[in-house]
Amino acid sequence: AIIALLAGQTERRRAFAQEAVAYFKAGSWNRRQTPWALIGQAEAEACAGQSKEAVEDARAAWEALRNHDAMESVFMQPLLGKVYLLLGRREEALEVLRAIMSEPCCWGPRGVQSDPLWKRLRADPRFDEILNGARPL
């Protein structure tokens, strides 16, 4: 769905996104898988245009990990930002990016600059400001 979105294929994006939402909802996920399935579902919902559901599920996934597994939450945080990007919610995406770059992590400015979704923020002067202020590992 994300590839179809980047290629400007609206109908394919919606079809793939709806298929992915159904997959994630039908799955039987264990406790450790649930937050990751939920963030996947949120990305699919965002691609399908289900804004309210996408934000609710993304935040629930993030909170589930943030409160119980600090290490895994570091890897999920960029996905939370991507949900905001998929929905066109620049301010929330920039807020997540600022949080990511304010802490030493394995996902630095180069990772952000090479990601096609994060590149959508390039025209915003805050994007470079945030990346230039990143704390190295």
N, C-alpha and C. Protein backbone atom coordinates (compact mmCIF):
# COMPACT_ATOMS: atom_id res chain seq x y z
N ALA A 1 0.82 -1.19 0.00
CA ALA A 1 0.00 0.00 0.00
C ALA A 1 0.87 1.25 0.00
N ILE A 2 1.94 1.24 0.77
CA ILE A 2 2.82 2.41 0.83
C ILE A 2 3.54 2.61 -0.50
N ILE A 3 3.96 1.53 -1.12
CA ILE A 3 4.61 1.64 -2.44
C ILE A 3 3.62 2.19 -3.45
N ALA A 4 2.39 1.73 -3.43
CA ALA A 4 1.36 2.26 -4.35
C ALA A 4 1.11 3.73 -4.06
N LEU A 5 1.13 4.12 -2.80
CA LEU A 5 0.96 5.52 -2.44
C LEU A 5 2.08 6.36 -3.04
N LEU A 6 3.33 5.91 -2.86
CA LEU A 6 4.47 6.65 -3.38
C LEU A 6 4.45 6.72 -4.90
N ALA A 7 3.86 5.72 -5.54
CA ALA A 7 3.77 5.69 -7.00
C ALA A 7 2.55 6.45 -7.51
N GLY A 8 1.73 6.98 -6.60
CA GLY A 8 0.55 7.73 -6.99
C GLY A 8 -0.59 6.86 -7.51
N GLN A 9 -0.60 5.59 -7.12
CA GLN A 9 -1.63 4.64 -7.58
C GLN A 9 -2.72 4.54 -6.51
N THR A 10 -3.64 5.48 -6.55
CA THR A 10 -4.66 5.63 -5.51
C THR A 10 -5.51 4.38 -5.31
N GLU A 11 -6.04 3.83 -6.38
CA GLU A 11 -6.92 2.66 -6.25
C GLU A 11 -6.16 1.44 -5.71
N ARG A 12 -4.96 1.21 -6.22
CA ARG A 12 -4.15 0.08 -5.72
C ARG A 12 -3.80 0.29 -4.25
N ARG A 13 -3.47 1.53 -3.89
CA ARG A 13 -3.14 1.83 -2.49
C ARG A 13 -4.31 1.47 -1.59
N ARG A 14 -5.51 1.91 -1.95
CA ARG A 14 -6.68 1.61 -1.13
C ARG A 14 -6.95 0.12 -1.04
N ALA A 15 -6.85 -0.57 -2.16
CA ALA A 15 -7.11 -2.01 -2.18
C ALA A 15 -6.11 -2.75 -1.30
N PHE A 16 -4.82 -2.44 -1.47
CA PHE A 16 -3.79 -3.09 -0.66
C PHE A 16 -3.97 -2.75 0.82
N ALA A 17 -4.30 -1.50 1.09
CA ALA A 17 -4.47 -1.06 2.48
C ALA A 17 -5.63 -1.79 3.14
N GLN A 18 -6.75 -1.90 2.45
CA GLN A 18 -7.91 -2.59 3.02
C GLN A 18 -7.60 -4.08 3.25
N GLU A 19 -6.85 -4.66 2.34
CA GLU A 19 -6.44 -6.06 2.51
C GLU A 19 -5.55 -6.20 3.74
N ALA A 20 -4.63 -5.26 3.92
CA ALA A 20 -3.73 -5.31 5.08
C ALA A 20 -4.49 -5.09 6.38
N VAL A 21 -5.42 -4.17 6.40
CA VAL A 21 -6.23 -3.94 7.60
C VAL A 21 -6.95 -5.22 7.99
N ALA A 22 -7.57 -5.87 7.02
CA ALA A 22 -8.29 -7.12 7.29
C ALA A 22 -7.33 -8.19 7.83
N TYR A 23 -6.13 -8.27 7.27
CA TYR A 23 -5.13 -9.24 7.73
C TYR A 23 -4.79 -8.99 9.20
N PHE A 24 -4.47 -7.75 9.53
CA PHE A 24 -4.07 -7.45 10.91
C PHE A 24 -5.22 -7.66 11.89
N LYS A 25 -6.43 -7.32 11.51
CA LYS A 25 -7.58 -7.51 12.40
C LYS A 25 -7.91 -8.98 12.60
N ALA A 26 -7.69 -9.81 11.59
CA ALA A 26 -8.05 -11.22 11.68
C ALA A 26 -6.98 -12.05 12.39
N GLY A 27 -5.79 -11.49 12.53
CA GLY A 27 -4.68 -12.25 13.11
C GLY A 27 -4.87 -12.55 14.58
N SER A 28 -4.22 -13.61 14.99
CA SER A 28 -4.19 -13.98 16.40
C SER A 28 -2.77 -13.71 16.89
N TRP A 29 -2.61 -12.59 17.57
CA TRP A 29 -1.28 -12.12 17.95
C TRP A 29 -1.01 -12.36 19.42
N ASN A 30 0.21 -12.81 19.73
CA ASN A 30 0.57 -12.98 21.14
C ASN A 30 0.92 -11.60 21.73
N ARG A 31 1.19 -11.57 23.01
CA ARG A 31 1.42 -10.31 23.73
C ARG A 31 2.55 -9.49 23.12
N ARG A 32 3.63 -10.13 22.71
CA ARG A 32 4.77 -9.41 22.13
C ARG A 32 4.51 -8.97 20.69
N GLN A 33 3.67 -9.69 19.99
CA GLN A 33 3.36 -9.34 18.61
C GLN A 33 2.30 -8.24 18.49
N THR A 34 1.43 -8.15 19.47
CA THR A 34 0.27 -7.26 19.38
C THR A 34 0.63 -5.81 19.05
N PRO A 35 1.59 -5.17 19.75
CA PRO A 35 1.89 -3.78 19.39
C PRO A 35 2.39 -3.63 17.95
N TRP A 36 3.17 -4.61 17.48
CA TRP A 36 3.70 -4.54 16.11
C TRP A 36 2.60 -4.77 15.08
N ALA A 37 1.67 -5.65 15.38
CA ALA A 37 0.53 -5.85 14.49
C ALA A 37 -0.34 -4.60 14.48
N LEU A 38 -0.48 -3.98 15.64
CA LEU A 38 -1.30 -2.78 15.74
C LEU A 38 -0.69 -1.61 14.97
N ILE A 39 0.63 -1.46 15.00
CA ILE A 39 1.25 -0.37 14.23
C ILE A 39 1.16 -0.67 12.74
N GLY A 40 1.27 -1.94 12.37
CA GLY A 40 1.06 -2.31 10.97
C GLY A 40 -0.36 -2.01 10.52
N GLN A 41 -1.30 -2.31 11.38
CA GLN A 41 -2.70 -2.01 11.09
C GLN A 41 -2.89 -0.50 10.96
N ALA A 42 -2.24 0.28 11.83
CA ALA A 42 -2.36 1.74 11.78
C ALA A 42 -1.80 2.29 10.47
N GLU A 43 -0.67 1.75 10.01
CA GLU A 43 -0.12 2.19 8.72
C GLU A 43 -1.09 1.87 7.59
N ALA A 44 -1.67 0.69 7.63
CA ALA A 44 -2.63 0.30 6.60
C ALA A 44 -3.87 1.19 6.65
N GLU A 45 -4.35 1.47 7.86
CA GLU A 45 -5.52 2.34 8.00
C GLU A 45 -5.21 3.73 7.47
N ALA A 46 -4.00 4.22 7.72
CA ALA A 46 -3.61 5.53 7.20
C ALA A 46 -3.62 5.52 5.68
N CYS A 47 -3.11 4.46 5.08
CA CYS A 47 -3.11 4.34 3.62
C CYS A 47 -4.53 4.22 3.07
N ALA A 48 -5.42 3.67 3.85
CA ALA A 48 -6.80 3.50 3.43
C ALA A 48 -7.63 4.77 3.67
N GLY A 49 -7.02 5.77 4.32
CA GLY A 49 -7.73 7.00 4.59
C GLY A 49 -8.56 6.97 5.86
N GLN A 50 -8.33 5.99 6.70
CA GLN A 50 -9.06 5.86 7.97
C GLN A 50 -8.27 6.58 9.07
N SER A 51 -8.31 7.88 9.02
CA SER A 51 -7.48 8.73 9.87
C SER A 51 -7.67 8.48 11.37
N LYS A 52 -8.91 8.52 11.83
CA LYS A 52 -9.18 8.37 13.25
C LYS A 52 -8.67 7.03 13.78
N GLU A 53 -8.98 5.96 13.07
CA GLU A 53 -8.55 4.62 13.48
C GLU A 53 -7.03 4.50 13.45
N ALA A 54 -6.41 5.06 12.42
CA ALA A 54 -4.95 4.98 12.29
C ALA A 54 -4.25 5.64 13.47
N VAL A 55 -4.70 6.83 13.83
CA VAL A 55 -4.07 7.55 14.94
C VAL A 55 -4.31 6.81 16.25
N GLU A 56 -5.52 6.35 16.48
CA GLU A 56 -5.82 5.62 17.72
C GLU A 56 -4.96 4.36 17.84
N ASP A 57 -4.87 3.59 16.76
CA ASP A 57 -4.10 2.35 16.80
C ASP A 57 -2.60 2.60 16.91
N ALA A 58 -2.11 3.61 16.22
CA ALA A 58 -0.68 3.93 16.30
C ALA A 58 -0.30 4.36 17.70
N ARG A 59 -1.12 5.20 18.30
CA ARG A 59 -0.83 5.65 19.67
C ARG A 59 -0.94 4.51 20.66
N ALA A 60 -1.91 3.63 20.47
CA ALA A 60 -2.05 2.48 21.37
C ALA A 60 -0.84 1.56 21.26
N ALA A 61 -0.36 1.33 20.05
CA ALA A 61 0.82 0.48 19.85
C ALA A 61 2.04 1.10 20.52
N TRP A 62 2.23 2.40 20.31
CA TRP A 62 3.37 3.12 20.88
C TRP A 62 3.31 3.08 22.41
N GLU A 63 2.14 3.35 22.97
CA GLU A 63 2.00 3.34 24.43
C GLU A 63 2.26 1.95 25.00
N ALA A 64 1.78 0.92 24.31
CA ALA A 64 1.98 -0.46 24.80
C ALA A 64 3.47 -0.78 24.93
N LEU A 65 4.25 -0.36 23.97
CA LEU A 65 5.69 -0.64 24.04
C LEU A 65 6.42 0.34 24.94
N ARG A 66 6.08 1.60 24.86
CA ARG A 66 6.78 2.62 25.64
C ARG A 66 6.71 2.32 27.13
N ASN A 67 5.58 1.79 27.56
CA ASN A 67 5.40 1.52 28.98
C ASN A 67 5.97 0.18 29.43
N HIS A 68 6.31 -0.71 28.47
CA HIS A 68 6.74 -2.05 28.87
C HIS A 68 8.07 -2.50 28.27
N ASP A 69 8.53 -1.89 27.21
CA ASP A 69 9.76 -2.34 26.57
C ASP A 69 10.45 -1.15 25.91
N ALA A 70 11.30 -0.48 26.67
CA ALA A 70 11.96 0.73 26.18
C ALA A 70 12.78 0.48 24.93
N MET A 71 13.41 -0.67 24.84
CA MET A 71 14.25 -0.97 23.68
C MET A 71 13.42 -1.08 22.42
N GLU A 72 12.34 -1.85 22.47
CA GLU A 72 11.51 -2.01 21.28
C GLU A 72 10.78 -0.71 20.93
N SER A 73 10.47 0.10 21.93
CA SER A 73 9.77 1.35 21.64
C SER A 73 10.63 2.28 20.80
N VAL A 74 11.95 2.18 20.93
CA VAL A 74 12.86 2.98 20.11
C VAL A 74 12.67 2.64 18.64
N PHE A 75 12.44 1.38 18.34
CA PHE A 75 12.25 0.95 16.96
C PHE A 75 10.85 1.28 16.43
N MET A 76 9.89 1.41 17.33
CA MET A 76 8.53 1.72 16.88
C MET A 76 8.32 3.21 16.68
N GLN A 77 9.02 4.04 17.39
CA GLN A 77 8.77 5.47 17.33
C GLN A 77 8.79 6.03 15.90
N PRO A 78 9.74 5.67 15.05
CA PRO A 78 9.69 6.17 13.67
C PRO A 78 8.43 5.72 12.92
N LEU A 79 7.89 4.56 13.26
CA LEU A 79 6.67 4.09 12.61
C LEU A 79 5.48 4.94 13.02
N LEU A 80 5.46 5.39 14.26
CA LEU A 80 4.42 6.30 14.71
C LEU A 80 4.48 7.58 13.88
N GLY A 81 5.69 8.09 13.67
CA GLY A 81 5.86 9.28 12.85
C GLY A 81 5.41 9.06 11.42
N LYS A 82 5.66 7.87 10.89
CA LYS A 82 5.24 7.57 9.52
C LYS A 82 3.73 7.53 9.38
N VAL A 83 3.04 7.08 10.40
CA VAL A 83 1.57 7.11 10.35
C VAL A 83 1.11 8.56 10.22
N TYR A 84 1.71 9.44 11.00
CA TYR A 84 1.36 10.86 10.89
C TYR A 84 1.68 11.39 9.50
N LEU A 85 2.80 10.99 8.95
CA LEU A 85 3.17 11.43 7.59
C LEU A 85 2.18 10.93 6.55
N LEU A 86 1.79 9.68 6.67
CA LEU A 86 0.82 9.12 5.73
C LEU A 86 -0.51 9.87 5.77
N LEU A 87 -0.84 10.42 6.92
CA LEU A 87 -2.09 11.15 7.10
C LEU A 87 -1.94 12.64 6.79
N GLY A 88 -0.71 13.06 6.47
CA GLY A 88 -0.48 14.47 6.19
C GLY A 88 -0.46 15.35 7.43
N ARG A 89 -0.19 14.75 8.58
CA ARG A 89 -0.17 15.49 9.85
C ARG A 89 1.27 15.88 10.16
N ARG A 90 1.72 16.93 9.51
CA ARG A 90 3.11 17.39 9.58
C ARG A 90 3.57 17.73 10.99
N GLU A 91 2.75 18.44 11.73
CA GLU A 91 3.17 18.89 13.06
C GLU A 91 3.46 17.71 13.98
N GLU A 92 2.57 16.72 13.98
CA GLU A 92 2.79 15.54 14.81
C GLU A 92 4.02 14.76 14.34
N ALA A 93 4.19 14.67 13.02
CA ALA A 93 5.35 13.96 12.47
C ALA A 93 6.64 14.67 12.88
N LEU A 94 6.66 16.00 12.80
CA LEU A 94 7.85 16.75 13.21
C LEU A 94 8.11 16.59 14.71
N GLU A 95 7.05 16.52 15.49
CA GLU A 95 7.20 16.32 16.94
C GLU A 95 7.85 14.96 17.23
N VAL A 96 7.40 13.93 16.51
CA VAL A 96 7.99 12.60 16.68
C VAL A 96 9.44 12.62 16.22
N LEU A 97 9.70 13.25 15.08
CA LEU A 97 11.07 13.33 14.58
C LEU A 97 11.98 14.04 15.57
N ARG A 98 11.49 15.11 16.15
CA ARG A 98 12.29 15.84 17.16
C ARG A 98 12.59 14.94 18.36
N ALA A 99 11.61 14.16 18.78
CA ALA A 99 11.83 13.23 19.91
C ALA A 99 12.85 12.16 19.55
N ILE A 100 12.76 11.64 18.34
CA ILE A 100 13.70 10.61 17.90
C ILE A 100 15.12 11.15 17.88
N MET A 101 15.30 12.33 17.32
CA MET A 101 16.63 12.90 17.16
C MET A 101 17.20 13.50 18.44
N SER A 102 16.37 13.66 19.46
CA SER A 102 16.86 14.24 20.72
C SER A 102 17.53 13.21 21.61
N GLU A 103 17.35 11.96 21.28
CA GLU A 103 17.96 10.88 22.06
C GLU A 103 18.92 10.10 21.18
N PRO A 104 20.02 9.63 21.74
CA PRO A 104 20.90 8.78 20.92
C PRO A 104 20.15 7.51 20.51
N CYS A 105 20.19 7.20 19.24
CA CYS A 105 19.53 5.99 18.77
C CYS A 105 20.20 5.51 17.50
N CYS A 106 19.80 4.34 17.05
CA CYS A 106 20.41 3.74 15.87
C CYS A 106 19.81 4.28 14.58
N TRP A 107 18.80 5.11 14.67
CA TRP A 107 18.12 5.63 13.48
C TRP A 107 18.41 7.11 13.41
N GLY A 108 19.49 7.47 12.72
CA GLY A 108 19.93 8.84 12.70
C GLY A 108 19.48 9.62 11.48
N PRO A 109 20.08 10.81 11.30
CA PRO A 109 19.70 11.69 10.20
C PRO A 109 19.79 11.05 8.82
N ARG A 110 20.78 10.24 8.59
CA ARG A 110 20.91 9.61 7.26
C ARG A 110 19.75 8.66 6.97
N GLY A 111 19.30 7.95 7.99
CA GLY A 111 18.15 7.08 7.82
C GLY A 111 16.91 7.86 7.47
N VAL A 112 16.74 9.01 8.11
CA VAL A 112 15.59 9.86 7.85
C VAL A 112 15.67 10.43 6.43
N GLN A 113 16.84 10.92 6.06
CA GLN A 113 17.01 11.55 4.76
C GLN A 113 16.81 10.58 3.60
N SER A 114 17.05 9.31 3.83
CA SER A 114 16.91 8.34 2.74
C SER A 114 15.52 7.70 2.69
N ASP A 115 14.69 7.98 3.67
CA ASP A 115 13.35 7.40 3.72
C ASP A 115 12.38 8.24 2.89
N PRO A 116 11.70 7.64 1.92
CA PRO A 116 10.82 8.43 1.04
C PRO A 116 9.65 9.11 1.76
N LEU A 117 9.18 8.56 2.85
CA LEU A 117 8.09 9.22 3.56
C LEU A 117 8.60 10.43 4.35
N TRP A 118 9.71 10.27 5.04
CA TRP A 118 10.25 11.39 5.81
C TRP A 118 10.73 12.51 4.90
N LYS A 119 11.14 12.17 3.69
CA LYS A 119 11.58 13.19 2.73
C LYS A 119 10.49 14.20 2.42
N ARG A 120 9.25 13.84 2.67
CA ARG A 120 8.13 14.75 2.43
C ARG A 120 8.22 16.01 3.30
N LEU A 121 9.01 15.96 4.34
CA LEU A 121 9.15 17.11 5.23
C LEU A 121 10.33 18.01 4.84
N ARG A 122 11.04 17.63 3.81
CA ARG A 122 12.26 18.33 3.43
C ARG A 122 12.06 19.82 3.19
N ALA A 123 10.95 20.24 2.66
CA ALA A 123 10.70 21.66 2.36
C ALA A 123 10.50 22.49 3.64
N ASP A 124 10.22 21.84 4.74
CA ASP A 124 10.01 22.54 6.01
C ASP A 124 11.38 22.82 6.63
N PRO A 125 11.71 24.07 6.94
CA PRO A 125 13.02 24.39 7.51
C PRO A 125 13.29 23.69 8.85
N ARG A 126 12.23 23.33 9.55
CA ARG A 126 12.41 22.63 10.83
C ARG A 126 12.99 21.23 10.63
N PHE A 127 12.76 20.64 9.45
CA PHE A 127 13.28 19.31 9.15
C PHE A 127 14.80 19.29 9.27
N ASP A 128 15.47 20.19 8.55
CA ASP A 128 16.93 20.25 8.62
C ASP A 128 17.41 20.67 10.00
N GLU A 129 16.69 21.57 10.63
CA GLU A 129 17.05 22.01 11.98
C GLU A 129 17.05 20.83 12.95
N ILE A 130 16.03 20.00 12.86
CA ILE A 130 15.93 18.83 13.74
C ILE A 130 17.05 17.84 13.43
N LEU A 131 17.30 17.56 12.16
CA LEU A 131 18.34 16.60 11.80
C LEU A 131 19.72 17.10 12.17
N ASN A 132 19.96 18.39 12.02
CA ASN A 132 21.27 18.96 12.38
C ASN A 132 21.50 18.96 13.88
N GLY A 133 20.45 18.92 14.65
CA GLY A 133 20.57 18.88 16.10
C GLY A 133 20.55 17.49 16.70
N ALA A 134 20.60 16.46 15.85
CA ALA A 134 20.53 15.08 16.33
C ALA A 134 21.70 14.74 17.24
N ARG A 135 21.39 13.96 18.26
CA ARG A 135 22.45 13.49 19.18
C ARG A 135 23.02 12.19 18.63
N PRO A 136 24.33 12.13 18.43
CA PRO A 136 24.94 10.91 17.93
C PRO A 136 24.95 9.81 19.00
N LEU A 137 25.12 8.57 18.54
CA LEU A 137 25.21 7.45 19.48
C LEU A 137 26.44 7.58 20.35
